[in-house]
């Protein structure tokens, strides 16, 4: 389907040809009037006035169409930006709610709670500076990774080494599953990057956290 901008471009091309032809004819009539006798000059003057008026109207129409197309483009861009901002805000809210739940579970004192929350807020601000990268990471793996980075006792992302396990217990077995509804991979580790257990688009799924709890 052709867009309004495509149609406007074609119309502008036609209006340009009309403007050029009208301008050329108006200038020719003006030159003829200047070389004519007084009586003929008056008649050509009226013709020139009518032609030049049409030229001015064509120019004004072209300008108005250009402004409409420009305004439409700005509105479209603004809508896209608003949608991107809403998606980022919703993704950020999902991550924040999940990690703060883990913080409340693990913090042993008010001081530790505030310290972990401050670390997480700083980390989250850094992570969301690149919205595309932030939203591209699977939600479950992202929650596990951020929680592990600030020092929570969750399995580290794939490829990282966890804290030293207790004697006779593997590193994975010694770490409790604090993700509260966020499933682990079959190996018992945090979901690796690229593996996603939630809905196809958790950013837009309002009931995602409820369904995964």
N, C-alpha and C. Protein backbone atom coordinates (compact mmCIF):
# COMPACT_ATOMS: atom_id res chain seq x y z
N UNK A 1 0.84 -1.19 0.00
CA UNK A 1 0.00 0.00 0.00
C UNK A 1 0.87 1.24 0.00
N UNK A 2 0.56 2.18 -0.88
CA UNK A 2 1.35 3.39 -0.99
C UNK A 2 1.08 4.31 0.19
N UNK A 3 2.13 4.92 0.67
CA UNK A 3 1.99 5.80 1.82
C UNK A 3 1.57 7.19 1.39
N UNK A 4 1.12 7.97 2.36
CA UNK A 4 0.73 9.35 2.08
C UNK A 4 1.92 10.16 1.57
N UNK A 5 3.11 9.84 2.08
CA UNK A 5 4.31 10.56 1.65
C UNK A 5 4.61 10.29 0.17
N UNK A 6 4.38 9.03 -0.29
CA UNK A 6 4.61 8.70 -1.70
C UNK A 6 3.64 9.46 -2.60
N UNK A 7 2.38 9.50 -2.18
CA UNK A 7 1.36 10.21 -2.97
C UNK A 7 1.67 11.71 -3.00
N UNK A 8 2.05 12.25 -1.85
CA UNK A 8 2.38 13.67 -1.79
C UNK A 8 3.56 14.01 -2.68
N UNK A 9 4.53 13.09 -2.77
CA UNK A 9 5.70 13.31 -3.62
C UNK A 9 5.30 13.38 -5.09
N UNK A 10 4.39 12.49 -5.51
CA UNK A 10 3.93 12.52 -6.89
C UNK A 10 3.13 13.79 -7.19
N UNK A 11 2.29 14.17 -6.26
CA UNK A 11 1.51 15.39 -6.46
C UNK A 11 2.41 16.62 -6.52
N UNK A 12 3.43 16.63 -5.70
CA UNK A 12 4.35 17.76 -5.71
C UNK A 12 5.09 17.87 -7.04
N UNK A 13 5.40 16.72 -7.64
CA UNK A 13 6.07 16.74 -8.94
C UNK A 13 5.17 17.39 -10.00
N UNK A 14 3.88 17.04 -9.96
CA UNK A 14 2.94 17.66 -10.90
C UNK A 14 2.77 19.15 -10.64
N UNK A 15 2.69 19.51 -9.37
CA UNK A 15 2.56 20.93 -9.03
C UNK A 15 3.80 21.71 -9.43
N UNK A 16 4.95 21.09 -9.36
CA UNK A 16 6.18 21.76 -9.77
C UNK A 16 6.16 22.07 -11.27
N UNK A 17 5.71 21.09 -12.05
CA UNK A 17 5.61 21.32 -13.49
C UNK A 17 4.61 22.44 -13.80
N UNK A 18 3.49 22.43 -13.07
CA UNK A 18 2.49 23.48 -13.26
C UNK A 18 3.05 24.85 -12.86
N UNK A 19 3.80 24.89 -11.77
CA UNK A 19 4.40 26.14 -11.31
C UNK A 19 5.40 26.66 -12.34
N UNK A 20 6.26 25.77 -12.84
CA UNK A 20 7.28 26.20 -13.81
C UNK A 20 6.63 26.72 -15.08
N UNK A 21 5.60 26.01 -15.58
CA UNK A 21 4.93 26.44 -16.81
C UNK A 21 4.21 27.77 -16.60
N UNK A 22 3.51 27.89 -15.46
CA UNK A 22 2.79 29.14 -15.19
C UNK A 22 3.74 30.31 -15.03
N UNK A 23 4.87 30.08 -14.39
CA UNK A 23 5.85 31.14 -14.21
C UNK A 23 6.44 31.58 -15.54
N UNK A 24 6.77 30.60 -16.39
CA UNK A 24 7.33 30.93 -17.70
C UNK A 24 6.34 31.73 -18.54
N UNK A 25 5.06 31.29 -18.52
CA UNK A 25 4.04 32.00 -19.30
C UNK A 25 3.81 33.40 -18.75
N UNK A 26 3.80 33.53 -17.44
CA UNK A 26 3.59 34.84 -16.83
C UNK A 26 4.69 35.81 -17.22
N UNK A 27 5.93 35.34 -17.20
CA UNK A 27 7.05 36.20 -17.57
C UNK A 27 7.00 36.59 -19.04
N UNK A 28 6.53 35.64 -19.88
CA UNK A 28 6.41 35.95 -21.30
C UNK A 28 5.33 37.01 -21.54
N UNK A 29 4.20 36.87 -20.85
CA UNK A 29 3.12 37.86 -20.98
C UNK A 29 3.59 39.22 -20.48
N UNK A 30 4.36 39.21 -19.41
CA UNK A 30 4.86 40.48 -18.88
C UNK A 30 5.79 41.16 -19.89
N UNK A 31 6.65 40.33 -20.55
CA UNK A 31 7.55 40.89 -21.55
C UNK A 31 6.76 41.44 -22.74
N UNK A 32 5.71 40.69 -23.17
CA UNK A 32 4.88 41.16 -24.28
C UNK A 32 4.18 42.46 -23.92
N UNK A 33 3.72 42.55 -22.67
CA UNK A 33 3.00 43.75 -22.24
C UNK A 33 3.92 44.96 -22.26
N UNK A 34 5.16 44.76 -21.86
CA UNK A 34 6.09 45.88 -21.83
C UNK A 34 6.42 46.39 -23.23
N UNK A 35 6.32 45.49 -24.23
CA UNK A 35 6.63 45.88 -25.61
C UNK A 35 5.39 46.31 -26.39
N UNK A 36 4.21 46.17 -25.81
CA UNK A 36 2.97 46.45 -26.54
C UNK A 36 2.57 47.92 -26.42
N UNK A 37 1.58 48.27 -27.25
CA UNK A 37 1.00 49.61 -27.18
C UNK A 37 0.21 49.76 -25.89
N UNK A 38 -0.05 50.97 -25.46
CA UNK A 38 -0.74 51.20 -24.19
C UNK A 38 -2.04 50.43 -24.03
N UNK A 39 -2.88 50.41 -25.07
CA UNK A 39 -4.16 49.72 -24.96
C UNK A 39 -3.96 48.22 -24.79
N UNK A 40 -3.05 47.65 -25.61
CA UNK A 40 -2.77 46.22 -25.53
C UNK A 40 -2.05 45.88 -24.22
N UNK A 41 -1.24 46.83 -23.77
CA UNK A 41 -0.51 46.60 -22.53
C UNK A 41 -1.45 46.44 -21.35
N UNK A 42 -2.54 47.22 -21.33
CA UNK A 42 -3.51 47.12 -20.24
C UNK A 42 -4.18 45.75 -20.24
N UNK A 43 -4.52 45.25 -21.44
CA UNK A 43 -5.16 43.93 -21.53
C UNK A 43 -4.21 42.83 -21.09
N UNK A 44 -2.95 42.93 -21.54
CA UNK A 44 -1.96 41.92 -21.15
C UNK A 44 -1.62 42.02 -19.66
N UNK A 45 -1.74 43.23 -19.13
CA UNK A 45 -1.50 43.40 -17.70
C UNK A 45 -2.50 42.62 -16.87
N UNK A 46 -3.77 42.63 -17.31
CA UNK A 46 -4.79 41.86 -16.60
C UNK A 46 -4.50 40.36 -16.70
N UNK A 47 -4.10 39.93 -17.91
CA UNK A 47 -3.75 38.52 -18.09
C UNK A 47 -2.57 38.12 -17.21
N UNK A 48 -1.58 39.01 -17.17
CA UNK A 48 -0.41 38.72 -16.33
C UNK A 48 -0.80 38.62 -14.86
N UNK A 49 -1.70 39.48 -14.42
CA UNK A 49 -2.14 39.45 -13.02
C UNK A 49 -2.81 38.11 -12.70
N UNK A 50 -3.66 37.61 -13.60
CA UNK A 50 -4.35 36.35 -13.36
C UNK A 50 -3.37 35.18 -13.35
N UNK A 51 -2.44 35.19 -14.32
CA UNK A 51 -1.46 34.10 -14.39
C UNK A 51 -0.56 34.09 -13.15
N UNK A 52 -0.08 35.24 -12.76
CA UNK A 52 0.82 35.30 -11.61
C UNK A 52 0.10 34.90 -10.32
N UNK A 53 -1.19 35.19 -10.27
CA UNK A 53 -1.95 34.78 -9.09
C UNK A 53 -2.00 33.25 -9.01
N UNK A 54 -2.22 32.59 -10.15
CA UNK A 54 -2.21 31.13 -10.18
C UNK A 54 -0.86 30.56 -9.80
N UNK A 55 0.21 31.23 -10.23
CA UNK A 55 1.57 30.78 -9.89
C UNK A 55 1.78 30.88 -8.38
N UNK A 56 1.34 31.99 -7.79
CA UNK A 56 1.50 32.16 -6.34
C UNK A 56 0.70 31.11 -5.56
N UNK A 57 -0.49 30.81 -6.02
CA UNK A 57 -1.32 29.81 -5.35
C UNK A 57 -0.69 28.42 -5.44
N UNK A 58 -0.11 28.11 -6.62
CA UNK A 58 0.57 26.83 -6.77
C UNK A 58 1.76 26.72 -5.83
N UNK A 59 2.52 27.79 -5.73
CA UNK A 59 3.67 27.80 -4.82
C UNK A 59 3.22 27.62 -3.37
N UNK A 60 2.14 28.29 -2.99
CA UNK A 60 1.64 28.18 -1.63
C UNK A 60 1.15 26.76 -1.34
N UNK A 61 0.52 26.13 -2.33
CA UNK A 61 0.03 24.76 -2.15
C UNK A 61 1.19 23.80 -1.97
N UNK A 62 2.25 23.97 -2.77
CA UNK A 62 3.42 23.11 -2.62
C UNK A 62 4.04 23.25 -1.24
N UNK A 63 4.12 24.49 -0.77
CA UNK A 63 4.70 24.73 0.55
C UNK A 63 3.85 24.11 1.65
N UNK A 64 2.53 24.23 1.51
CA UNK A 64 1.64 23.66 2.51
C UNK A 64 1.75 22.13 2.53
N UNK A 65 1.82 21.52 1.36
CA UNK A 65 1.97 20.07 1.29
C UNK A 65 3.28 19.61 1.92
N UNK A 66 4.36 20.35 1.67
CA UNK A 66 5.66 19.99 2.24
C UNK A 66 5.62 20.06 3.76
N UNK A 67 4.95 21.08 4.28
CA UNK A 67 4.86 21.21 5.73
C UNK A 67 4.01 20.10 6.33
N UNK A 68 2.95 19.69 5.64
CA UNK A 68 2.11 18.61 6.12
C UNK A 68 2.88 17.29 6.17
N UNK A 69 3.66 17.03 5.12
CA UNK A 69 4.47 15.81 5.09
C UNK A 69 5.50 15.82 6.21
N UNK A 70 6.13 16.98 6.43
CA UNK A 70 7.14 17.10 7.48
C UNK A 70 6.51 16.89 8.85
N UNK A 71 5.34 17.49 9.07
CA UNK A 71 4.66 17.33 10.35
C UNK A 71 4.25 15.88 10.57
N UNK A 72 3.76 15.24 9.52
CA UNK A 72 3.37 13.84 9.64
C UNK A 72 4.56 12.97 9.99
N UNK A 73 5.73 13.27 9.38
CA UNK A 73 6.93 12.51 9.69
C UNK A 73 7.36 12.69 11.14
N UNK A 74 7.25 13.92 11.64
CA UNK A 74 7.61 14.17 13.04
C UNK A 74 6.67 13.43 13.99
N UNK A 75 5.37 13.43 13.67
CA UNK A 75 4.41 12.74 14.52
C UNK A 75 4.66 11.24 14.53
N UNK A 76 4.99 10.69 13.35
CA UNK A 76 5.29 9.26 13.28
C UNK A 76 6.53 8.92 14.10
N UNK A 77 7.56 9.76 13.98
CA UNK A 77 8.78 9.54 14.74
C UNK A 77 8.51 9.63 16.24
N UNK A 78 7.69 10.60 16.62
CA UNK A 78 7.36 10.77 18.04
C UNK A 78 6.60 9.56 18.57
N UNK A 79 5.70 9.01 17.74
CA UNK A 79 4.95 7.82 18.16
C UNK A 79 5.88 6.63 18.36
N UNK A 80 6.85 6.49 17.45
CA UNK A 80 7.81 5.39 17.57
C UNK A 80 8.64 5.54 18.83
N UNK A 81 9.08 6.78 19.11
CA UNK A 81 9.90 7.03 20.31
C UNK A 81 9.09 6.73 21.56
N UNK A 82 7.81 7.14 21.57
CA UNK A 82 6.97 6.88 22.73
C UNK A 82 6.79 5.38 22.95
N UNK A 83 6.59 4.64 21.85
CA UNK A 83 6.43 3.19 21.96
C UNK A 83 7.71 2.55 22.50
N UNK A 84 8.87 3.00 21.98
CA UNK A 84 10.14 2.45 22.46
C UNK A 84 10.33 2.75 23.94
N UNK A 85 9.96 3.97 24.34
CA UNK A 85 10.11 4.34 25.76
C UNK A 85 9.21 3.49 26.64
N UNK A 86 7.99 3.21 26.18
CA UNK A 86 7.07 2.37 26.97
C UNK A 86 7.59 0.95 27.08
N UNK A 87 8.14 0.42 25.98
CA UNK A 87 8.68 -0.93 26.01
C UNK A 87 9.87 -1.02 26.97
N UNK A 88 10.75 -0.02 26.91
CA UNK A 88 11.91 -0.02 27.79
C UNK A 88 11.48 0.11 29.25
N UNK A 89 10.51 0.99 29.51
CA UNK A 89 10.05 1.19 30.89
C UNK A 89 9.42 -0.09 31.43
N UNK A 90 8.65 -0.80 30.61
CA UNK A 90 8.02 -2.03 31.07
C UNK A 90 9.05 -3.12 31.30
N UNK A 91 10.04 -3.23 30.40
CA UNK A 91 11.09 -4.23 30.59
C UNK A 91 11.88 -3.90 31.85
N UNK A 92 12.20 -2.64 32.05
CA UNK A 92 12.95 -2.23 33.23
C UNK A 92 12.17 -2.54 34.51
N UNK A 93 10.85 -2.32 34.47
CA UNK A 93 10.02 -2.60 35.63
C UNK A 93 10.00 -4.09 35.96
N UNK A 94 9.93 -4.95 34.92
CA UNK A 94 9.97 -6.40 35.14
C UNK A 94 11.26 -6.81 35.83
N UNK A 95 12.38 -6.32 35.29
CA UNK A 95 13.68 -6.68 35.84
C UNK A 95 13.83 -6.15 37.27
N UNK A 96 13.43 -4.91 37.48
CA UNK A 96 13.57 -4.31 38.80
C UNK A 96 12.75 -5.04 39.84
N UNK A 97 11.52 -5.38 39.50
CA UNK A 97 10.66 -6.08 40.45
C UNK A 97 11.24 -7.45 40.83
N UNK A 98 11.74 -8.17 39.83
CA UNK A 98 12.28 -9.50 40.09
C UNK A 98 13.55 -9.45 40.93
N UNK A 99 14.46 -8.56 40.58
CA UNK A 99 15.73 -8.50 41.32
C UNK A 99 15.51 -7.95 42.72
N UNK A 100 14.65 -6.96 42.87
CA UNK A 100 14.40 -6.42 44.21
C UNK A 100 13.74 -7.46 45.11
N UNK A 101 12.96 -8.36 44.52
CA UNK A 101 12.38 -9.46 45.30
C UNK A 101 13.50 -10.36 45.83
N UNK A 102 14.51 -10.62 44.99
CA UNK A 102 15.65 -11.42 45.42
C UNK A 102 16.45 -10.69 46.50
N UNK A 103 16.56 -9.37 46.36
CA UNK A 103 17.29 -8.58 47.36
C UNK A 103 16.60 -8.68 48.72
N UNK A 104 15.28 -8.52 48.72
CA UNK A 104 14.52 -8.62 49.98
C UNK A 104 14.68 -10.00 50.60
N UNK A 105 14.76 -11.02 49.76
CA UNK A 105 14.90 -12.39 50.27
C UNK A 105 16.25 -12.61 50.93
N UNK A 106 17.29 -12.03 50.37
CA UNK A 106 18.65 -12.35 50.82
C UNK A 106 19.23 -11.36 51.82
N UNK A 107 18.81 -10.09 51.77
CA UNK A 107 19.41 -9.09 52.65
C UNK A 107 19.22 -9.48 54.12
N UNK A 108 20.31 -9.42 54.87
CA UNK A 108 20.28 -9.84 56.27
C UNK A 108 20.05 -8.68 57.23
N UNK A 109 20.12 -7.45 56.71
CA UNK A 109 19.90 -6.28 57.56
C UNK A 109 19.42 -5.13 56.70
N UNK A 110 18.92 -4.08 57.37
CA UNK A 110 18.47 -2.90 56.63
C UNK A 110 19.63 -2.27 55.87
N UNK A 111 20.80 -2.28 56.49
CA UNK A 111 21.97 -1.70 55.83
C UNK A 111 22.33 -2.48 54.58
N UNK A 112 22.31 -3.80 54.68
CA UNK A 112 22.60 -4.64 53.51
C UNK A 112 21.55 -4.46 52.44
N UNK A 113 20.30 -4.30 52.85
CA UNK A 113 19.21 -4.10 51.90
C UNK A 113 19.42 -2.83 51.11
N UNK A 114 19.72 -1.73 51.79
CA UNK A 114 19.92 -0.46 51.11
C UNK A 114 21.15 -0.50 50.21
N UNK A 115 22.19 -1.18 50.66
CA UNK A 115 23.41 -1.27 49.87
C UNK A 115 23.16 -2.05 48.57
N UNK A 116 22.47 -3.17 48.67
CA UNK A 116 22.16 -3.96 47.48
C UNK A 116 21.25 -3.21 46.51
N UNK A 117 20.27 -2.51 47.06
CA UNK A 117 19.35 -1.74 46.21
C UNK A 117 20.09 -0.62 45.49
N UNK A 118 21.01 0.05 46.19
CA UNK A 118 21.79 1.12 45.58
C UNK A 118 22.68 0.58 44.46
N UNK A 119 23.32 -0.57 44.71
CA UNK A 119 24.16 -1.20 43.68
C UNK A 119 23.33 -1.56 42.45
N UNK A 120 22.14 -2.12 42.72
CA UNK A 120 21.30 -2.54 41.60
C UNK A 120 20.80 -1.34 40.80
N UNK A 121 20.40 -0.27 41.47
CA UNK A 121 19.91 0.92 40.76
C UNK A 121 21.00 1.48 39.85
N UNK A 122 22.22 1.53 40.36
CA UNK A 122 23.34 2.04 39.55
C UNK A 122 23.59 1.13 38.36
N UNK A 123 23.57 -0.18 38.60
CA UNK A 123 23.79 -1.14 37.52
C UNK A 123 22.67 -1.06 36.48
N UNK A 124 21.44 -0.92 36.93
CA UNK A 124 20.31 -0.87 36.01
C UNK A 124 20.37 0.39 35.15
N UNK A 125 20.78 1.51 35.72
CA UNK A 125 20.92 2.74 34.94
C UNK A 125 21.96 2.57 33.84
N UNK A 126 23.04 1.90 34.14
CA UNK A 126 24.08 1.67 33.14
C UNK A 126 23.57 0.73 32.05
N UNK A 127 22.90 -0.33 32.46
CA UNK A 127 22.41 -1.34 31.50
C UNK A 127 21.40 -0.74 30.52
N UNK A 128 20.54 0.14 31.00
CA UNK A 128 19.46 0.68 30.15
C UNK A 128 19.91 1.83 29.27
N UNK A 129 21.16 2.23 29.35
CA UNK A 129 21.65 3.27 28.45
C UNK A 129 21.64 2.79 27.00
N UNK A 130 21.84 1.50 26.81
CA UNK A 130 21.74 0.89 25.47
C UNK A 130 20.45 0.07 25.45
N UNK A 131 19.36 0.73 25.07
CA UNK A 131 18.04 0.10 25.16
C UNK A 131 17.94 -1.15 24.29
N UNK A 132 18.50 -1.11 23.08
CA UNK A 132 18.39 -2.26 22.17
C UNK A 132 19.06 -3.50 22.78
N UNK A 133 20.26 -3.32 23.31
CA UNK A 133 20.96 -4.45 23.91
C UNK A 133 20.25 -4.94 25.16
N UNK A 134 19.74 -4.00 25.95
CA UNK A 134 19.04 -4.34 27.18
C UNK A 134 17.80 -5.18 26.89
N UNK A 135 17.04 -4.80 25.87
CA UNK A 135 15.80 -5.50 25.55
C UNK A 135 16.06 -6.79 24.78
N UNK A 136 17.23 -6.91 24.15
CA UNK A 136 17.51 -8.10 23.34
C UNK A 136 17.83 -9.32 24.20
N UNK A 137 18.34 -9.10 25.40
CA UNK A 137 18.71 -10.23 26.26
C UNK A 137 17.46 -10.91 26.81
N UNK A 138 17.42 -12.23 26.81
CA UNK A 138 16.27 -12.94 27.39
C UNK A 138 16.03 -12.48 28.82
N UNK A 139 14.78 -12.28 29.17
CA UNK A 139 14.43 -11.70 30.46
C UNK A 139 14.92 -12.55 31.63
N UNK A 140 14.69 -13.87 31.58
CA UNK A 140 15.07 -14.74 32.68
C UNK A 140 16.59 -14.71 32.92
N UNK A 141 17.35 -14.83 31.83
CA UNK A 141 18.80 -14.81 31.94
C UNK A 141 19.29 -13.45 32.42
N UNK A 142 18.61 -12.41 32.00
CA UNK A 142 19.00 -11.06 32.41
C UNK A 142 18.82 -10.86 33.92
N UNK A 143 17.70 -11.32 34.44
CA UNK A 143 17.45 -11.21 35.88
C UNK A 143 18.52 -11.96 36.67
N UNK A 144 18.82 -13.19 36.24
CA UNK A 144 19.83 -13.98 36.93
C UNK A 144 21.20 -13.32 36.86
N UNK A 145 21.54 -12.78 35.71
CA UNK A 145 22.86 -12.15 35.54
C UNK A 145 23.00 -10.91 36.41
N UNK A 146 22.01 -10.03 36.39
CA UNK A 146 22.10 -8.80 37.17
C UNK A 146 22.13 -9.09 38.67
N UNK A 147 21.33 -10.06 39.08
CA UNK A 147 21.31 -10.43 40.49
C UNK A 147 22.67 -10.97 40.92
N UNK A 148 23.28 -11.76 40.07
CA UNK A 148 24.59 -12.33 40.39
C UNK A 148 25.67 -11.25 40.43
N UNK A 149 25.57 -10.25 39.51
CA UNK A 149 26.57 -9.19 39.44
C UNK A 149 26.62 -8.38 40.73
N UNK A 150 25.46 -8.15 41.36
CA UNK A 150 25.46 -7.34 42.59
C UNK A 150 25.72 -8.18 43.83
N UNK A 151 25.97 -9.48 43.63
CA UNK A 151 26.40 -10.30 44.74
C UNK A 151 25.35 -11.18 45.37
N UNK A 152 24.22 -11.36 44.74
CA UNK A 152 23.20 -12.24 45.28
C UNK A 152 23.58 -13.70 45.03
N UNK A 153 23.10 -14.58 45.88
CA UNK A 153 23.45 -15.99 45.77
C UNK A 153 22.57 -16.70 44.77
N UNK A 154 22.78 -16.40 43.51
CA UNK A 154 22.08 -17.08 42.42
C UNK A 154 23.13 -17.65 41.49
N UNK A 155 22.80 -18.68 40.72
CA UNK A 155 23.77 -19.24 39.78
C UNK A 155 24.28 -18.18 38.84
N UNK A 156 25.59 -18.09 38.61
CA UNK A 156 26.14 -17.07 37.71
C UNK A 156 25.78 -17.37 36.27
N UNK A 157 25.86 -16.36 35.38
CA UNK A 157 25.60 -16.61 33.96
C UNK A 157 26.56 -17.65 33.42
N UNK A 158 26.17 -18.26 32.33
CA UNK A 158 26.98 -19.32 31.73
C UNK A 158 28.38 -18.81 31.42
N UNK A 159 29.39 -19.57 31.79
CA UNK A 159 30.77 -19.18 31.52
C UNK A 159 31.44 -18.52 32.69
N UNK A 160 30.67 -18.12 33.75
CA UNK A 160 31.25 -17.51 34.93
C UNK A 160 31.44 -18.57 36.02
N UNK A 161 32.30 -18.27 36.99
CA UNK A 161 32.57 -19.20 38.07
C UNK A 161 31.83 -18.73 39.30
N UNK A 162 31.07 -19.61 39.92
CA UNK A 162 30.31 -19.25 41.12
C UNK A 162 31.20 -19.24 42.34
N UNK A 163 30.63 -18.83 43.47
CA UNK A 163 31.38 -18.82 44.72
C UNK A 163 31.77 -20.26 45.08
N UNK A 164 32.78 -20.39 45.96
CA UNK A 164 33.27 -21.72 46.31
C UNK A 164 32.18 -22.52 46.99
N UNK A 165 31.88 -23.73 46.51
CA UNK A 165 30.80 -24.53 47.10
C UNK A 165 31.23 -25.15 48.42
N UNK A 166 30.26 -25.55 49.16
CA UNK A 166 30.56 -26.26 50.41
C UNK A 166 31.10 -27.63 50.09
N UNK A 167 31.82 -28.22 51.00
CA UNK A 167 32.48 -29.50 50.76
C UNK A 167 31.47 -30.58 50.43
N UNK A 168 31.73 -31.29 49.35
CA UNK A 168 30.87 -32.39 48.94
C UNK A 168 29.64 -31.96 48.17
N UNK A 169 29.51 -30.65 47.95
CA UNK A 169 28.34 -30.15 47.21
C UNK A 169 28.84 -29.34 46.04
N UNK A 170 28.22 -29.54 44.88
CA UNK A 170 28.65 -28.81 43.69
C UNK A 170 28.29 -27.34 43.83
N UNK A 171 28.94 -26.51 42.98
CA UNK A 171 28.68 -25.07 43.02
C UNK A 171 27.22 -24.78 42.75
N UNK A 172 26.61 -25.51 41.81
CA UNK A 172 25.21 -25.26 41.47
C UNK A 172 24.30 -25.68 42.61
N UNK A 173 24.62 -26.85 43.21
CA UNK A 173 23.76 -27.36 44.28
C UNK A 173 23.83 -26.49 45.53
N UNK A 174 24.99 -25.82 45.73
CA UNK A 174 25.15 -25.00 46.93
C UNK A 174 24.47 -23.66 46.82
N UNK A 175 23.98 -23.30 45.61
CA UNK A 175 23.33 -22.01 45.43
C UNK A 175 21.83 -22.21 45.39
N UNK A 176 21.06 -21.56 46.28
CA UNK A 176 19.61 -21.73 46.26
C UNK A 176 19.01 -21.06 45.05
N UNK A 177 17.90 -21.59 44.61
CA UNK A 177 17.20 -20.99 43.48
C UNK A 177 16.29 -19.88 43.99
N UNK A 178 16.78 -18.64 43.90
CA UNK A 178 16.02 -17.50 44.41
C UNK A 178 15.24 -16.79 43.32
N UNK A 179 15.18 -17.38 42.16
CA UNK A 179 14.53 -16.67 41.07
C UNK A 179 13.02 -16.77 41.13
N UNK A 180 12.50 -17.52 42.08
CA UNK A 180 11.06 -17.53 42.38
C UNK A 180 10.20 -17.62 41.13
N UNK A 181 10.23 -18.77 40.51
CA UNK A 181 9.37 -18.95 39.34
C UNK A 181 10.12 -18.84 38.04
N UNK A 182 11.40 -18.42 38.07
CA UNK A 182 12.17 -18.34 36.85
C UNK A 182 12.89 -19.66 36.68
N UNK A 183 12.52 -20.49 35.73
CA UNK A 183 13.09 -21.84 35.62
C UNK A 183 14.54 -21.82 35.22
N UNK A 184 15.28 -22.84 35.68
CA UNK A 184 16.66 -22.99 35.29
C UNK A 184 16.73 -23.93 34.10
N UNK A 185 17.89 -23.92 33.46
CA UNK A 185 18.10 -24.84 32.35
C UNK A 185 18.23 -26.26 32.89
N UNK A 186 18.15 -27.29 32.03
CA UNK A 186 18.25 -28.67 32.50
C UNK A 186 19.51 -28.95 33.30
N UNK A 187 20.59 -28.19 33.07
CA UNK A 187 21.83 -28.44 33.81
C UNK A 187 21.79 -27.86 35.20
N UNK A 188 20.77 -27.06 35.52
CA UNK A 188 20.65 -26.47 36.84
C UNK A 188 21.26 -25.10 36.93
N UNK A 189 21.80 -24.57 35.85
CA UNK A 189 22.41 -23.25 35.86
C UNK A 189 21.40 -22.22 35.42
N UNK A 190 21.79 -20.93 35.53
CA UNK A 190 20.91 -19.88 35.05
C UNK A 190 20.71 -20.02 33.55
N UNK A 191 19.55 -19.63 33.03
CA UNK A 191 19.31 -19.77 31.59
C UNK A 191 20.38 -19.06 30.80
N UNK A 192 21.04 -19.72 29.85
CA UNK A 192 22.09 -19.07 29.07
C UNK A 192 21.51 -18.03 28.15
N UNK A 193 22.36 -17.10 27.71
CA UNK A 193 21.91 -16.08 26.77
C UNK A 193 21.38 -16.76 25.52
N UNK A 194 20.24 -16.26 25.06
CA UNK A 194 19.63 -16.83 23.87
C UNK A 194 18.55 -17.82 24.19
N UNK A 195 18.49 -18.32 25.48
CA UNK A 195 17.44 -19.26 25.87
C UNK A 195 16.38 -18.52 26.65
N UNK A 196 15.13 -18.68 26.28
CA UNK A 196 14.06 -17.86 26.87
C UNK A 196 12.91 -18.75 27.29
N UNK A 197 12.50 -18.65 28.55
CA UNK A 197 11.44 -19.50 29.06
C UNK A 197 10.12 -18.78 29.20
N UNK A 198 10.13 -17.46 29.05
CA UNK A 198 8.90 -16.69 29.24
C UNK A 198 8.10 -16.61 27.96
N UNK A 199 7.14 -15.70 27.91
CA UNK A 199 6.34 -15.53 26.70
C UNK A 199 7.19 -14.95 25.59
N UNK A 200 6.69 -15.01 24.34
CA UNK A 200 7.45 -14.55 23.19
C UNK A 200 7.87 -13.10 23.33
N UNK A 201 7.03 -12.28 23.89
CA UNK A 201 7.37 -10.87 24.07
C UNK A 201 7.01 -10.46 25.49
N UNK A 202 7.87 -10.76 26.48
CA UNK A 202 7.52 -10.47 27.88
C UNK A 202 7.38 -8.99 28.14
N UNK A 203 7.93 -8.15 27.28
CA UNK A 203 7.83 -6.71 27.49
C UNK A 203 6.39 -6.25 27.40
N UNK A 204 5.66 -6.86 26.48
CA UNK A 204 4.28 -6.43 26.25
C UNK A 204 3.27 -7.30 26.97
N UNK A 205 3.73 -8.34 27.67
CA UNK A 205 2.81 -9.25 28.35
C UNK A 205 2.61 -8.78 29.78
N UNK A 206 1.49 -8.16 30.08
CA UNK A 206 1.25 -7.61 31.41
C UNK A 206 1.15 -8.68 32.48
N UNK A 207 0.74 -9.87 32.10
CA UNK A 207 0.55 -10.91 33.10
C UNK A 207 1.73 -11.86 33.16
N UNK A 208 2.87 -11.45 32.63
CA UNK A 208 4.02 -12.37 32.57
C UNK A 208 4.46 -12.78 33.96
N UNK A 209 4.67 -11.80 34.82
CA UNK A 209 5.17 -12.15 36.13
C UNK A 209 4.17 -12.99 36.90
N UNK A 210 2.89 -12.69 36.75
CA UNK A 210 1.86 -13.47 37.45
C UNK A 210 1.85 -14.92 36.97
N UNK A 211 2.03 -15.10 35.65
CA UNK A 211 1.96 -16.46 35.12
C UNK A 211 3.20 -17.26 35.44
N UNK A 212 4.35 -16.57 35.68
CA UNK A 212 5.60 -17.28 35.95
C UNK A 212 5.84 -17.47 37.44
N UNK A 213 4.96 -16.87 38.28
CA UNK A 213 5.15 -16.98 39.74
C UNK A 213 4.77 -18.37 40.22
